[in-house]
Protein backbone atom coordinates (compact mmCIF):
# COMPACT_ATOMS: atom_id res chain seq x y z
CA MET A 1 62.00 -10.24 17.97
CA ASN A 2 59.95 -13.30 16.95
CA LYS A 3 58.46 -13.38 20.45
CA THR A 4 57.34 -9.78 20.03
CA LEU A 5 55.78 -10.47 16.63
CA LEU A 6 53.96 -13.51 18.04
CA LYS A 7 52.54 -11.44 20.89
CA ILE A 8 51.37 -8.78 18.43
CA LEU A 9 49.57 -11.48 16.45
CA VAL A 10 47.93 -12.96 19.56
CA PHE A 11 46.92 -9.48 20.70
CA GLY A 12 45.26 -8.85 17.34
CA LEU A 13 43.38 -12.14 17.57
CA LEU A 14 42.17 -11.23 21.08
CA ILE A 15 40.79 -7.96 19.74
CA LEU A 16 38.98 -9.86 16.97
CA PHE A 17 37.48 -12.29 19.50
CA ILE A 18 36.16 -9.42 21.61
CA ILE A 19 34.71 -7.51 18.65
CA SER A 20 33.06 -10.57 17.10
CA PRO A 21 29.30 -10.84 17.75
CA PHE A 22 29.53 -14.43 18.97
CA THR A 23 31.83 -13.76 21.91
CA ALA A 24 30.96 -15.50 25.14
CA LEU A 25 32.40 -14.29 28.44
CA ALA A 26 33.16 -10.85 27.03
CA SER A 27 34.10 -9.38 30.41
CA LEU A 28 36.65 -12.14 31.01
CA MET A 29 38.07 -11.55 27.55
CA LEU A 30 38.45 -7.85 28.39
CA VAL A 31 40.59 -8.78 31.40
CA VAL A 32 42.71 -11.04 29.19
CA LEU A 33 42.97 -8.25 26.61
CA VAL A 34 44.22 -5.74 29.18
CA SER A 35 46.83 -8.15 30.53
CA ALA A 36 47.96 -9.07 27.01
CA PHE A 37 48.26 -5.36 26.19
CA PHE A 38 50.63 -4.80 29.11
CA PHE A 39 52.77 -7.83 28.18
CA LEU A 40 52.86 -6.65 24.56
CA LEU A 41 53.75 -3.12 25.60
CA GLY A 42 56.63 -4.43 27.70
CA ASP A 43 58.00 -6.55 24.85
CA VAL A 44 57.73 -3.74 22.32
CA PHE A 45 59.49 -1.39 24.73
CA GLN A 46 62.28 -3.97 25.20
CA ALA A 47 62.61 -4.34 21.43
CA ILE A 48 62.84 -0.56 20.99
CA ILE A 49 65.53 -0.06 23.61
CA GLY A 50 67.48 -3.01 22.24
CA GLY A 51 67.02 -5.43 25.09
CA ASP A 52 67.34 -9.16 24.53
CA THR A 53 63.83 -10.65 24.40
CA ASP A 54 65.04 -14.21 23.77
CA PRO A 55 65.90 -15.93 27.09
CA LYS A 56 67.83 -18.71 25.29
CA LYS A 57 70.59 -16.33 24.18
CA SER A 58 71.73 -15.39 27.68
């Protein structure tokens, strides 16, 4: 679950970097934002269905 919370935090920071007026390479950041969204969505879905998101506990 900590991995999921960390990805949510990083996703929020990516959104702030894109919205900020001093963003360089905004189109590249949009690509990173979309990929981070899909990784975050996968982790949240795994957390909801009760899957193990920590690879060390296998």
